[in-house]
N, C-alpha and C. Protein backbone atom coordinates (compact mmCIF):
# COMPACT_ATOMS: atom_id res chain seq x y z
N MET A 1 252.30 57.25 -25.32
CA MET A 1 253.62 57.15 -25.45
C MET A 1 252.57 55.41 -25.42
N THR A 2 253.25 54.15 -26.45
CA THR A 2 252.46 53.49 -26.67
C THR A 2 253.29 52.01 -25.81
N SER A 3 252.93 50.76 -25.89
CA SER A 3 252.97 50.10 -24.69
C SER A 3 254.52 49.33 -24.83
N THR A 4 254.46 49.25 -26.46
CA THR A 4 255.86 48.80 -26.82
C THR A 4 256.74 49.66 -26.44
N HIS A 5 256.55 51.51 -25.82
CA HIS A 5 257.66 52.22 -25.69
C HIS A 5 257.76 52.27 -24.82
N ILE A 6 257.47 52.03 -23.76
CA ILE A 6 257.16 51.91 -22.25
C ILE A 6 257.96 50.13 -21.80
N LEU A 7 257.24 49.39 -22.68
CA LEU A 7 258.65 48.57 -22.24
C LEU A 7 260.02 48.11 -22.80
N THR A 8 259.74 49.12 -23.73
CA THR A 8 261.20 49.62 -23.90
C THR A 8 262.17 50.15 -23.26
N ILE A 9 262.00 50.98 -22.45
CA ILE A 9 262.42 52.15 -21.61
C ILE A 9 262.37 50.77 -20.11
N ALA A 10 261.79 49.88 -19.90
CA ALA A 10 261.83 49.61 -18.60
C ALA A 10 262.83 48.31 -18.76
N LEU A 11 263.43 47.72 -19.99
CA LEU A 11 263.91 46.68 -19.90
C LEU A 11 265.39 47.79 -20.22
N SER A 12 265.07 48.90 -20.92
CA SER A 12 266.78 49.79 -20.52
C SER A 12 267.10 50.14 -19.85
N SER A 13 265.98 50.18 -18.66
CA SER A 13 266.18 50.57 -17.43
C SER A 13 267.21 49.55 -16.12
N ILE A 14 266.62 47.91 -16.26
CA ILE A 14 266.75 46.48 -15.80
C ILE A 14 268.08 46.39 -15.77
N VAL A 15 269.15 46.79 -17.08
CA VAL A 15 270.25 46.99 -17.45
C VAL A 15 270.98 47.56 -17.43
N LEU A 16 270.72 49.01 -17.11
CA LEU A 16 271.16 50.37 -16.76
C LEU A 16 272.76 50.34 -15.75
N ALA A 17 273.66 50.65 -16.14
CA ALA A 17 274.98 50.39 -15.39
C ALA A 17 276.70 51.23 -15.32
N ALA A 18 277.26 50.94 -14.87
CA ALA A 18 277.97 52.38 -14.57
C ALA A 18 278.60 52.27 -15.53
N PRO A 19 279.06 54.07 -16.26
CA PRO A 19 279.35 54.25 -17.64
C PRO A 19 280.86 53.20 -17.45
N GLY A 20 280.96 52.50 -19.01
CA GLY A 20 282.40 52.03 -18.91
C GLY A 20 281.78 51.09 -18.75
N ALA A 21 281.52 49.94 -18.21
CA ALA A 21 280.91 48.70 -17.66
C ALA A 21 281.32 47.75 -19.16
N CYS A 22 281.77 47.20 -19.07
CA CYS A 22 282.20 46.40 -20.40
C CYS A 22 281.09 44.93 -20.24
N ALA A 23 280.93 44.76 -21.75
CA ALA A 23 279.77 43.53 -21.92
C ALA A 23 280.00 42.10 -21.29
N GLU A 24 279.14 41.37 -20.56
CA GLU A 24 279.30 39.88 -20.00
C GLU A 24 280.36 40.23 -19.13
N ASP A 25 280.40 41.75 -18.58
CA ASP A 25 281.19 41.59 -16.87
C ASP A 25 280.22 41.13 -15.50
N LEU A 26 280.73 40.14 -15.16
CA LEU A 26 279.67 39.50 -14.60
C LEU A 26 280.37 39.85 -13.03
N SER A 27 281.60 41.16 -12.79
CA SER A 27 281.71 41.37 -11.88
C SER A 27 280.97 42.50 -10.69
N THR A 28 280.26 43.10 -11.68
CA THR A 28 279.81 44.33 -11.31
C THR A 28 278.36 44.41 -12.25
N TYR A 29 277.44 44.48 -10.87
CA TYR A 29 276.23 44.96 -11.12
C TYR A 29 275.68 46.47 -10.81
N ARG A 30 275.37 47.40 -12.24
CA ARG A 30 275.68 48.40 -11.93
C ARG A 30 276.68 48.92 -11.32
N GLN A 31 276.94 50.06 -10.32
CA GLN A 31 278.17 50.69 -9.77
C GLN A 31 279.00 49.79 -8.58
N PHE A 32 277.96 48.46 -8.65
CA PHE A 32 278.36 47.84 -7.10
C PHE A 32 279.21 46.72 -7.72
N GLN A 33 280.91 46.14 -7.26
CA GLN A 33 281.22 45.33 -7.77
C GLN A 33 281.59 44.44 -6.90
N PHE A 34 281.53 43.31 -6.72
CA PHE A 34 281.81 42.44 -6.26
C PHE A 34 283.71 42.18 -5.63
N GLY A 35 283.13 42.39 -4.10
CA GLY A 35 284.65 42.63 -3.16
C GLY A 35 284.64 44.13 -3.32
N MET A 36 283.93 45.50 -3.17
CA MET A 36 283.79 46.09 -2.09
C MET A 36 283.95 45.93 -0.76
N LYS A 37 284.30 46.92 -0.21
CA LYS A 37 284.38 46.88 1.50
C LYS A 37 283.07 47.30 1.61
N LEU A 38 282.20 47.03 2.72
CA LEU A 38 280.85 47.60 3.57
C LEU A 38 281.10 49.16 3.17
N PRO A 39 281.82 49.87 4.15
CA PRO A 39 281.79 51.02 3.47
C PRO A 39 281.74 51.94 2.55
N GLU A 40 282.21 51.17 1.24
CA GLU A 40 282.58 51.98 -0.15
C GLU A 40 281.01 51.84 -0.26
N VAL A 41 280.55 50.39 -0.04
CA VAL A 41 279.08 50.11 -0.83
C VAL A 41 278.13 51.50 0.51
N VAL A 42 278.44 52.21 1.19
CA VAL A 42 276.89 52.61 2.24
C VAL A 42 277.77 54.17 1.69
N LYS A 43 278.62 54.23 1.05
CA LYS A 43 278.91 56.19 0.45
C LYS A 43 278.33 55.84 -0.75
N LEU A 44 278.35 55.01 -2.02
CA LEU A 44 277.88 54.73 -3.23
C LEU A 44 276.19 55.00 -2.73
N ILE A 45 275.44 54.32 -2.10
CA ILE A 45 274.05 54.39 -1.79
C ILE A 45 273.45 55.61 -1.10
N GLY A 46 274.26 56.09 -0.06
CA GLY A 46 274.01 57.20 0.70
C GLY A 46 273.18 56.74 2.29
N ALA A 47 273.60 55.71 1.94
CA ALA A 47 273.19 55.49 3.58
C ALA A 47 273.53 55.64 4.77
N ASN A 48 273.26 56.54 5.24
CA ASN A 48 273.85 57.17 7.03
C ASN A 48 272.80 57.33 8.02
N PRO A 49 272.94 56.68 8.83
CA PRO A 49 274.48 55.70 8.69
C PRO A 49 273.75 54.51 8.41
N PRO A 50 274.36 53.60 8.34
CA PRO A 50 274.48 51.89 7.32
C PRO A 50 273.20 51.44 8.65
N GLU A 51 271.98 50.65 7.47
CA GLU A 51 271.33 49.92 8.54
C GLU A 51 271.57 48.04 8.58
N THR A 52 272.68 47.93 9.08
CA THR A 52 273.26 46.89 8.53
C THR A 52 272.68 45.57 9.84
N ARG A 53 272.87 44.27 9.65
CA ARG A 53 272.51 43.64 10.95
C ARG A 53 273.60 42.45 10.66
N VAL A 54 273.84 41.95 11.85
CA VAL A 54 275.49 41.00 11.61
C VAL A 54 274.26 39.53 11.78
N LEU A 55 274.09 38.79 11.05
CA LEU A 55 274.39 37.93 10.22
C LEU A 55 275.34 36.54 11.48
N HIS A 56 276.27 36.26 11.36
CA HIS A 56 276.58 35.57 11.76
C HIS A 56 278.59 35.71 12.98
N GLN A 57 279.01 35.89 13.70
CA GLN A 57 280.09 36.21 13.90
C GLN A 57 281.61 35.33 13.78
N ARG A 58 281.17 34.15 13.88
CA ARG A 58 282.53 33.05 13.01
C ARG A 58 281.46 31.70 12.78
N PRO A 59 282.74 31.12 12.19
CA PRO A 59 284.27 31.97 12.07
C PRO A 59 284.11 32.71 10.61
N ALA A 60 283.31 33.27 10.59
CA ALA A 60 283.06 34.80 9.47
C ALA A 60 282.29 35.46 9.58
N PHE A 61 282.34 36.83 9.49
CA PHE A 61 281.60 37.89 10.01
C PHE A 61 280.83 38.62 8.65
N ILE A 62 279.26 37.85 8.78
CA ILE A 62 278.20 38.10 7.57
C ILE A 62 277.51 38.88 8.10
N GLN A 63 277.58 39.90 7.44
CA GLN A 63 276.51 41.27 7.40
C GLN A 63 275.62 41.27 6.45
N GLU A 64 274.57 42.20 6.02
CA GLU A 64 273.26 41.94 5.75
C GLU A 64 273.09 43.63 5.91
N LEU A 65 272.95 44.51 4.72
CA LEU A 65 272.40 45.87 4.27
C LEU A 65 271.03 46.12 3.87
N ASP A 66 270.54 46.34 3.93
CA ASP A 66 269.16 46.80 2.94
C ASP A 66 268.90 47.91 2.45
N TRP A 67 268.96 48.54 0.87
CA TRP A 67 269.04 49.63 0.53
C TRP A 67 267.97 49.44 -0.23
N GLU A 68 266.55 50.84 -0.09
CA GLU A 68 265.31 50.75 -0.57
C GLU A 68 265.59 52.21 -1.87
N PRO A 69 265.84 52.98 -2.49
CA PRO A 69 266.09 53.84 -3.60
C PRO A 69 265.17 54.81 -3.39
N ILE A 70 264.04 54.39 -3.21
CA ILE A 70 262.32 55.44 -2.91
C ILE A 70 262.96 55.93 -1.55
N ARG A 71 263.79 55.69 -0.85
CA ARG A 71 264.02 56.00 0.68
C ARG A 71 265.31 57.43 0.31
N PHE A 72 265.51 57.43 -0.84
CA PHE A 72 267.07 58.17 -1.27
C PHE A 72 266.76 58.84 -2.44
N PRO A 73 265.41 60.25 -2.03
CA PRO A 73 265.27 60.77 -2.94
C PRO A 73 266.45 61.42 -4.31
N GLY A 74 266.61 61.07 -5.49
CA GLY A 74 267.45 61.39 -6.45
C GLY A 74 268.97 60.30 -6.48
N SER A 75 268.68 59.45 -6.17
CA SER A 75 270.05 58.61 -6.17
C SER A 75 269.57 57.06 -7.54
N LEU A 76 268.22 56.88 -8.09
CA LEU A 76 267.93 56.65 -9.04
C LEU A 76 267.11 57.26 -9.81
N PRO A 77 267.20 57.42 -11.66
CA PRO A 77 266.22 57.58 -12.30
C PRO A 77 264.52 56.97 -12.01
N GLU A 78 263.71 58.16 -11.97
CA GLU A 78 262.19 58.31 -11.65
C GLU A 78 262.00 56.84 -11.88
N ALA A 79 262.00 56.52 -13.48
CA ALA A 79 262.10 54.82 -14.04
C ALA A 79 261.93 53.85 -14.03
N ASP A 80 263.57 53.95 -13.05
CA ASP A 80 264.32 52.78 -12.56
C ASP A 80 263.29 51.52 -11.88
N PRO A 81 263.29 50.25 -12.03
CA PRO A 81 262.52 49.08 -12.15
C PRO A 81 263.04 48.52 -10.71
N VAL A 82 264.28 48.98 -10.30
CA VAL A 82 264.88 48.11 -8.93
C VAL A 82 263.88 49.20 -7.91
N LYS A 83 263.11 48.09 -7.30
CA LYS A 83 263.02 48.56 -5.50
C LYS A 83 264.12 48.75 -4.86
N SER A 84 264.62 47.71 -5.01
CA SER A 84 265.42 47.18 -3.43
C SER A 84 266.32 46.21 -3.75
N ILE A 85 267.57 46.42 -2.97
CA ILE A 85 268.96 45.31 -3.53
C ILE A 85 268.87 45.49 -2.03
N LEU A 86 269.45 43.70 -1.39
CA LEU A 86 269.89 43.73 0.11
C LEU A 86 271.65 42.75 -0.34
N PHE A 87 272.30 43.38 0.41
CA PHE A 87 273.97 43.40 0.30
C PHE A 87 274.32 42.33 1.00
N SER A 88 275.05 41.53 0.83
CA SER A 88 275.69 40.24 1.90
C SER A 88 277.05 40.42 2.16
N PHE A 89 277.69 40.64 3.09
CA PHE A 89 279.44 40.94 3.06
C PHE A 89 279.70 40.07 4.22
N CYS A 90 280.97 39.40 3.57
CA CYS A 90 282.03 38.20 4.14
C CYS A 90 283.72 38.76 4.71
N ASN A 91 283.37 39.18 5.89
CA ASN A 91 284.56 39.63 6.24
C ASN A 91 284.76 40.89 5.43
N GLY A 92 283.14 41.83 5.44
CA GLY A 92 283.46 43.27 5.33
C GLY A 92 283.21 43.59 3.79
N GLU A 93 283.79 42.76 2.84
CA GLU A 93 283.36 42.40 1.62
C GLU A 93 282.76 41.45 0.77
N LEU A 94 281.59 42.65 -0.26
CA LEU A 94 280.26 41.92 -0.79
C LEU A 94 280.74 40.93 -1.95
N PHE A 95 279.48 40.24 -1.34
CA PHE A 95 279.72 38.81 -2.41
C PHE A 95 278.58 38.17 -2.29
N ARG A 96 277.56 39.01 -2.31
CA ARG A 96 276.22 38.74 -3.10
C ARG A 96 275.28 39.92 -3.04
N MET A 97 274.77 40.20 -3.83
CA MET A 97 273.16 41.17 -3.84
C MET A 97 272.24 40.35 -4.70
N VAL A 98 270.48 41.25 -3.88
CA VAL A 98 269.79 40.34 -3.82
C VAL A 98 269.00 41.62 -4.60
N VAL A 99 268.38 41.76 -6.06
CA VAL A 99 267.64 42.26 -6.26
C VAL A 99 266.69 42.58 -6.49
N THR A 100 265.72 43.07 -6.22
CA THR A 100 264.37 43.02 -6.30
C THR A 100 263.70 44.18 -6.91
N TYR A 101 262.40 44.16 -8.57
CA TYR A 101 262.62 44.98 -8.93
C TYR A 101 261.05 45.55 -8.40
N ASP A 102 260.13 46.53 -9.16
CA ASP A 102 259.69 46.90 -8.64
C ASP A 102 257.99 45.98 -9.11
N ARG A 103 257.00 46.24 -9.31
CA ARG A 103 256.03 44.80 -9.61
C ARG A 103 255.58 45.93 -10.40
N TYR A 104 255.50 47.27 -10.50
CA TYR A 104 254.80 48.17 -11.39
C TYR A 104 255.22 48.73 -12.69
N LYS A 105 256.63 48.26 -11.78
CA LYS A 105 257.56 48.93 -13.22
C LYS A 105 258.17 47.85 -14.34
N THR A 106 257.77 46.67 -14.03
CA THR A 106 257.75 45.63 -14.89
C THR A 106 256.67 44.72 -15.12
N GLU A 107 255.41 45.30 -14.49
CA GLU A 107 254.51 45.26 -14.96
C GLU A 107 254.14 44.78 -16.24
N GLY A 108 253.46 43.55 -17.09
CA GLY A 108 253.44 43.42 -18.41
C GLY A 108 254.22 42.80 -19.02
N LEU A 109 255.81 42.67 -18.14
CA LEU A 109 256.96 41.88 -18.93
C LEU A 109 256.99 40.56 -18.26
N THR A 110 257.45 39.11 -19.50
CA THR A 110 257.40 37.91 -19.61
C THR A 110 258.80 37.75 -19.05
N SER A 111 258.50 36.16 -18.94
CA SER A 111 259.70 35.88 -18.38
C SER A 111 260.97 36.36 -19.77
N GLY A 112 260.72 35.78 -21.06
CA GLY A 112 261.26 36.16 -22.02
C GLY A 112 261.60 37.49 -22.34
N ASP A 113 260.84 38.21 -21.72
CA ASP A 113 261.00 39.26 -21.70
C ASP A 113 262.36 40.02 -21.10
N MET A 114 262.29 39.30 -19.31
CA MET A 114 263.60 40.29 -18.84
C MET A 114 264.80 39.39 -19.23
N ILE A 115 264.78 38.38 -20.07
CA ILE A 115 265.94 37.22 -20.77
C ILE A 115 266.36 38.37 -21.61
N VAL A 116 265.58 38.10 -22.69
CA VAL A 116 266.34 39.37 -23.44
C VAL A 116 266.67 40.92 -23.09
N GLY A 117 266.12 41.45 -21.98
CA GLY A 117 266.88 42.46 -21.59
C GLY A 117 268.29 42.64 -20.65
N ILE A 118 267.81 41.32 -19.76
CA ILE A 118 269.16 41.43 -19.46
C ILE A 118 270.12 40.86 -19.99
N SER A 119 270.02 40.00 -21.24
CA SER A 119 271.17 39.68 -21.89
C SER A 119 271.45 40.46 -23.08
N ALA A 120 270.95 41.15 -22.93
CA ALA A 120 271.70 42.80 -23.58
C ALA A 120 272.89 43.54 -23.30
N LYS A 121 273.05 43.37 -21.39
CA LYS A 121 274.49 43.21 -21.29
C LYS A 121 275.31 42.26 -21.16
N TYR A 122 274.62 41.35 -19.97
CA TYR A 122 274.96 40.35 -19.80
C TYR A 122 275.82 39.05 -20.08
N GLY A 123 275.42 39.06 -21.53
CA GLY A 123 274.75 38.03 -22.63
C GLY A 123 274.42 36.94 -22.73
N THR A 124 274.68 35.49 -23.26
CA THR A 124 273.78 34.71 -23.43
C THR A 124 273.36 33.94 -22.04
N ALA A 125 271.97 33.77 -21.50
CA ALA A 125 271.60 32.80 -20.47
C ALA A 125 271.61 31.68 -20.92
N THR A 126 271.78 31.00 -19.87
CA THR A 126 270.94 29.65 -19.67
C THR A 126 270.16 29.16 -18.83
N THR A 127 269.03 28.00 -18.79
CA THR A 127 267.92 27.41 -18.21
C THR A 127 268.24 26.77 -17.45
N PRO A 128 268.80 26.24 -16.55
CA PRO A 128 269.41 25.34 -15.55
C PRO A 128 268.25 24.77 -15.32
N ALA A 129 267.72 24.01 -14.64
CA ALA A 129 266.61 23.32 -13.78
C ALA A 129 266.91 23.28 -12.27
N THR A 130 267.01 24.12 -12.11
CA THR A 130 267.05 24.19 -10.56
C THR A 130 266.93 25.36 -9.99
N ASP A 131 267.03 24.64 -8.15
CA ASP A 131 266.04 26.31 -7.84
C ASP A 131 267.01 27.03 -6.83
N ILE A 132 266.98 28.15 -6.23
CA ILE A 132 267.52 29.22 -5.52
C ILE A 132 267.14 30.08 -4.45
N VAL A 133 267.79 30.25 -3.57
CA VAL A 133 266.81 30.86 -2.53
C VAL A 133 266.74 32.81 -2.72
N PHE A 134 265.53 32.72 -2.16
CA PHE A 134 264.98 34.31 -3.40
C PHE A 134 265.26 35.15 -1.93
N PRO A 135 265.61 35.58 -1.07
CA PRO A 135 265.49 36.46 0.33
C PRO A 135 265.01 37.66 0.14
N SER A 136 263.33 37.23 -0.45
CA SER A 136 262.03 38.76 0.07
C SER A 136 261.70 38.57 1.03
N ILE A 137 260.50 39.15 1.51
CA ILE A 137 260.11 39.09 2.26
C ILE A 137 259.37 37.43 2.74
N TYR A 138 259.50 36.70 1.91
CA TYR A 138 258.86 35.24 1.85
C TYR A 138 260.24 34.32 2.16
N ASN A 139 261.24 34.65 2.04
CA ASN A 139 262.30 33.89 1.94
C ASN A 139 262.25 32.46 1.06
N GLU A 140 261.20 32.76 0.19
CA GLU A 140 261.59 31.82 -1.32
C GLU A 140 262.26 30.97 -1.43
N THR A 141 262.72 29.71 -1.85
CA THR A 141 262.95 28.34 -2.72
C THR A 141 262.10 28.94 -4.22
N VAL A 142 262.54 29.35 -5.35
CA VAL A 142 262.03 29.63 -6.09
C VAL A 142 263.06 28.88 -6.92
N LYS A 143 262.30 28.42 -8.77
CA LYS A 143 263.28 28.17 -9.65
C LYS A 143 264.01 29.03 -10.12
N VAL A 144 264.89 28.97 -11.11
CA VAL A 144 266.03 29.78 -11.74
C VAL A 144 265.47 29.87 -12.99
N ILE A 145 264.52 31.25 -13.35
CA ILE A 145 264.09 31.44 -14.55
C ILE A 145 265.55 31.08 -15.97
N ALA A 146 266.48 31.99 -14.99
CA ALA A 146 267.64 31.92 -16.56
C ALA A 146 269.11 32.35 -15.40
N ARG A 147 270.13 32.16 -16.21
CA ARG A 147 271.20 31.91 -14.95
C ARG A 147 272.55 32.95 -16.23
N TRP A 148 273.10 33.69 -15.85
CA TRP A 148 274.27 34.34 -16.82
C TRP A 148 275.39 33.90 -15.69
N GLU A 149 276.50 33.26 -16.04
CA GLU A 149 277.50 32.54 -15.13
C GLU A 149 279.10 32.94 -16.05
N ASP A 150 279.87 32.82 -15.24
CA ASP A 150 280.95 32.18 -15.44
C ASP A 150 282.05 31.87 -14.61
N ALA A 151 283.31 31.45 -14.92
CA ALA A 151 283.91 30.61 -13.73
C ALA A 151 283.59 31.54 -11.88
N GLN A 152 284.11 32.55 -12.12
CA GLN A 152 283.63 33.21 -10.48
C GLN A 152 282.18 33.83 -9.75
N TYR A 153 281.39 34.26 -11.15
CA TYR A 153 280.19 34.95 -10.51
C TYR A 153 279.14 34.23 -11.28
N SER A 154 277.60 34.47 -10.74
CA SER A 154 276.15 33.90 -10.92
C SER A 154 275.78 34.98 -10.79
N PHE A 155 274.63 35.35 -12.18
CA PHE A 155 273.48 35.93 -12.36
C PHE A 155 271.69 34.70 -11.76
N ASN A 156 271.18 35.02 -11.68
CA ASN A 156 269.85 34.36 -11.56
C ASN A 156 268.39 34.97 -11.50
N LEU A 157 268.09 34.86 -12.58
CA LEU A 157 266.62 35.87 -12.73
C LEU A 157 265.41 34.55 -11.98
N VAL A 158 265.20 35.34 -11.08
CA VAL A 158 263.98 34.42 -10.50
C VAL A 158 262.57 35.84 -10.39
N ARG A 159 261.51 35.02 -9.82
CA ARG A 159 259.90 35.51 -9.86
C ARG A 159 259.33 34.47 -8.70
N SER A 160 259.14 35.74 -7.14
CA SER A 160 258.92 35.43 -6.20
C SER A 160 257.34 34.82 -6.90
N SER A 161 256.67 33.23 -6.19
CA SER A 161 255.72 32.46 -6.08
C SER A 161 255.20 33.00 -5.97
N TYR A 162 254.78 33.49 -4.82
CA TYR A 162 253.60 34.72 -3.74
C TYR A 162 252.89 36.08 -4.28
N GLN A 163 253.89 36.07 -5.01
CA GLN A 163 253.24 37.79 -6.02
C GLN A 163 254.41 38.01 -7.05
N PRO A 164 253.83 38.60 -8.08
CA PRO A 164 254.20 38.69 -9.86
C PRO A 164 255.69 39.77 -9.47
N VAL A 165 256.37 39.21 -8.80
CA VAL A 165 258.25 40.52 -8.53
C VAL A 165 259.23 39.20 -9.11
N PHE A 166 259.61 40.10 -9.93
CA PHE A 166 261.24 39.34 -10.62
C PHE A 166 262.26 40.35 -9.63
N GLY A 167 263.04 39.29 -9.48
CA GLY A 167 264.26 39.34 -8.92
C GLY A 167 264.98 39.25 -9.53
N MET A 168 266.75 39.39 -9.21
CA MET A 168 268.23 38.93 -9.80
C MET A 168 268.80 38.45 -7.78
N VAL A 169 269.19 36.99 -8.46
CA VAL A 169 270.51 36.79 -7.24
C VAL A 169 271.70 36.74 -7.49
N LEU A 170 272.60 38.04 -7.50
CA LEU A 170 273.34 37.33 -7.88
C LEU A 170 274.85 37.61 -7.04
N TYR A 171 276.09 36.35 -6.84
CA TYR A 171 277.15 36.32 -5.75
C TYR A 171 278.09 35.59 -6.42
N SER A 172 279.35 35.75 -5.62
CA SER A 172 280.89 35.33 -5.83
C SER A 172 281.02 33.90 -5.58
N LYS A 173 281.01 33.44 -6.30
CA LYS A 173 280.98 32.13 -5.84
C LYS A 173 281.21 31.40 -5.63
N ASN A 174 282.97 31.80 -5.52
CA ASN A 174 284.09 31.33 -4.49
C ASN A 174 284.05 31.98 -2.75
N VAL A 175 283.08 32.87 -2.73
CA VAL A 175 283.14 33.42 -1.22
C VAL A 175 281.56 32.98 -0.86
N ASP A 176 280.98 32.83 -1.58
CA ASP A 176 279.34 31.52 -1.52
C ASP A 176 279.42 30.52 -1.06
N ALA A 177 280.46 29.54 -1.38
CA ALA A 177 281.12 28.81 -1.15
C ALA A 177 281.78 28.84 0.28
N VAL A 178 282.47 29.56 0.96
CA VAL A 178 283.20 29.84 2.28
C VAL A 178 282.03 30.29 2.70
N VAL A 179 281.09 31.16 2.86
CA VAL A 179 280.13 31.40 3.55
C VAL A 179 278.94 30.74 3.40
N ARG A 180 279.10 29.51 3.25
CA ARG A 180 277.97 28.57 3.46
C ARG A 180 278.52 27.51 4.46
N THR A 181 279.89 27.65 4.01
CA THR A 181 280.67 26.64 4.97
C THR A 181 280.80 26.58 6.28
N ALA A 182 280.76 27.92 6.43
CA ALA A 182 281.29 28.75 7.75
C ALA A 182 279.98 28.80 8.49
N ILE A 183 278.40 29.38 8.18
CA ILE A 183 277.10 29.13 8.63
C ILE A 183 277.31 28.06 9.12
N VAL A 184 277.36 26.66 8.31
CA VAL A 184 276.74 25.35 9.40
C VAL A 184 277.99 24.95 10.06
N GLU A 185 279.04 25.51 10.30
CA GLU A 185 280.47 25.71 11.23
C GLU A 185 280.21 26.60 12.30
N GLY A 186 279.48 27.45 11.89
CA GLY A 186 278.77 28.61 12.81
C GLY A 186 278.12 28.19 13.90
N LEU A 187 276.95 27.75 12.88
CA LEU A 187 275.53 27.10 13.49
C LEU A 187 276.41 25.55 14.59
N ARG A 188 276.66 24.73 14.01
CA ARG A 188 277.34 23.69 14.76
C ARG A 188 277.86 24.02 15.97
N LEU A 189 278.93 25.40 15.87
CA LEU A 189 279.92 25.31 17.51
C LEU A 189 278.72 26.26 18.52
N ASP A 190 277.72 27.24 17.57
CA ASP A 190 276.37 27.32 18.69
C ASP A 190 275.67 26.66 19.59
N ALA A 191 275.68 25.71 18.88
CA ALA A 191 274.89 24.79 19.64
C ALA A 191 275.53 23.67 20.13
N GLN A 192 276.81 23.45 20.41
CA GLN A 192 277.62 22.67 21.03
C GLN A 192 277.83 23.50 22.03
N GLU A 193 277.92 24.70 21.76
CA GLU A 193 278.01 25.63 23.52
C GLU A 193 276.85 26.12 23.96
N ALA A 194 275.79 25.61 23.47
CA ALA A 194 274.62 26.34 24.02
C ALA A 194 274.35 26.48 25.42
N PRO A 195 274.43 24.73 25.73
CA PRO A 195 274.30 24.60 27.31
C PRO A 195 275.06 24.97 28.18
N LEU A 196 276.54 25.63 27.73
CA LEU A 196 277.61 25.82 28.70
C LEU A 196 277.01 27.56 28.71
N LYS A 197 276.65 28.14 28.10
CA LYS A 197 276.03 29.63 27.50
C LYS A 197 274.76 29.70 28.55
N GLU A 198 273.94 28.62 28.34
CA GLU A 198 272.83 29.02 29.12
C GLU A 198 273.11 28.79 30.35
N ALA A 199 273.82 27.90 31.17
CA ALA A 199 274.14 27.86 32.41
C ALA A 199 274.82 28.51 32.85
N GLU A 200 275.82 29.44 32.05
CA GLU A 200 276.80 31.03 32.69
C GLU A 200 275.27 31.59 32.89
N ARG A 201 274.42 32.43 31.95
CA ARG A 201 273.63 33.46 31.82
C ARG A 201 272.39 32.70 33.38
N GLN A 202 272.39 31.60 33.32
CA GLN A 202 271.38 31.10 34.85
C GLN A 202 272.34 32.03 36.06
N ARG A 203 273.68 31.31 35.74
CA ARG A 203 274.42 31.84 37.21
C ARG A 203 274.93 33.27 37.56
N LYS A 204 274.74 33.94 35.95
CA LYS A 204 274.31 35.39 36.23
C LYS A 204 272.92 35.96 36.80
N GLN A 205 271.62 35.75 36.25
CA GLN A 205 271.16 35.51 37.11
C GLN A 205 270.34 35.78 38.58
N GLU A 206 271.07 34.08 39.08
CA GLU A 206 270.98 33.82 40.18
C GLU A 206 271.91 34.89 40.43
N GLU A 207 272.94 35.41 40.59
CA GLU A 207 273.71 36.18 41.56
C GLU A 207 273.35 38.03 40.81
N GLU A 208 272.48 38.77 39.75
CA GLU A 208 271.94 39.24 39.83
C GLU A 208 270.46 39.68 40.94
N ASN A 209 270.04 38.52 41.01
CA ASN A 209 268.89 38.46 41.99
C ASN A 209 269.39 38.40 43.16
N ARG A 210 270.30 37.91 43.46
CA ARG A 210 270.75 37.70 44.86
C ARG A 210 270.98 39.05 45.55
N VAL A 211 272.05 39.76 44.50
CA VAL A 211 271.76 40.94 44.86
C VAL A 211 271.32 42.32 45.03
N LYS A 212 269.91 42.47 43.99
CA LYS A 212 268.52 42.64 43.69
C LYS A 212 268.55 42.19 45.19
N GLU A 213 268.28 41.35 45.89
CA GLU A 213 267.41 40.92 47.55
C GLU A 213 268.05 41.50 48.13
N GLU A 214 269.75 41.01 48.38
CA GLU A 214 270.41 41.92 49.44
C GLU A 214 270.28 43.27 49.94
N THR A 215 270.33 43.99 48.21
CA THR A 215 269.94 45.21 48.64
C THR A 215 269.11 45.71 49.31
N ALA A 216 268.03 45.23 49.00
CA ALA A 216 266.65 45.44 49.50
C ALA A 216 266.48 45.24 50.72
N ARG A 217 266.78 43.47 51.34
CA ARG A 217 266.95 43.08 52.58
C ARG A 217 267.84 44.35 53.36
N LEU A 218 269.11 45.33 53.14
CA LEU A 218 269.58 46.25 53.55
C LEU A 218 268.92 47.48 53.82
N ALA A 219 268.41 47.95 52.80
CA ALA A 219 267.33 49.40 53.16
C ALA A 219 266.14 48.94 53.37
N ASN A 220 265.82 47.71 53.72
CA ASN A 220 264.07 48.06 54.24
C ASN A 220 264.85 47.38 55.88
N LYS A 221 265.93 46.97 56.07
CA LYS A 221 266.26 46.73 57.42
C LYS A 221 265.93 47.90 58.03
N THR A 222 266.78 48.53 57.43
CA THR A 222 267.03 49.87 58.05
C THR A 222 266.07 51.03 58.42
N SER A 223 264.87 50.64 57.19
CA SER A 223 263.84 51.87 57.38
C SER A 223 262.36 51.15 58.69
N PHE A 224 262.66 50.03 58.65
CA PHE A 224 262.02 48.76 59.07
C PHE A 224 261.47 49.84 60.53
N ARG A 225 259.97 49.76 61.07
CA ARG A 225 259.14 50.22 62.28
C ARG A 225 258.62 49.08 62.62
N PRO A 226 258.48 48.18 63.69
CA PRO A 226 257.28 47.06 64.09
C PRO A 226 255.77 48.48 64.33
């Protein structure tokens, strides 16, 4: 198989979507649609039980779910370049996806190759001079290579600064703005209540120590022999 054929297969796999999806439909990435409930996503990926993390509980309930297709054999074609997807939920609804592509299955592809392949599915890209957070293992801020967007959604092609890995950061604009505001407010509330929580923690600890000491005292007093 020639290198040209390999590149064609890889690019086709990158833009693979659910049957019936319309061109330039940014509400969906493959079979995952923004606004889906957490149990629906779990059912699609076959993660059982779901490995969710709670990031914030107020004023919005923010959760994350990691998916690595290699952990679930048969869930994606063997040539599929997706290595992992990080799903983020606001009050139980999907609002962001961070796709990381396998470095070996996109090896040799340039940024231009990626843009061409993704544009075949999502239309014409723009190249804004802006940065975005790429929540990889380094949780780094990277330059946006290309962007596909409409009034509601934004798809951003990125590349890690630390390793030759391409990724896509996809999100619902309205919900993402709400989440950012909610996180700031949640951190403010946490900082405001920290002294009270620490005082309550110390009070409970002191009470536990007192009870433990009293229990030991009574037991030792009964059994003590000079």
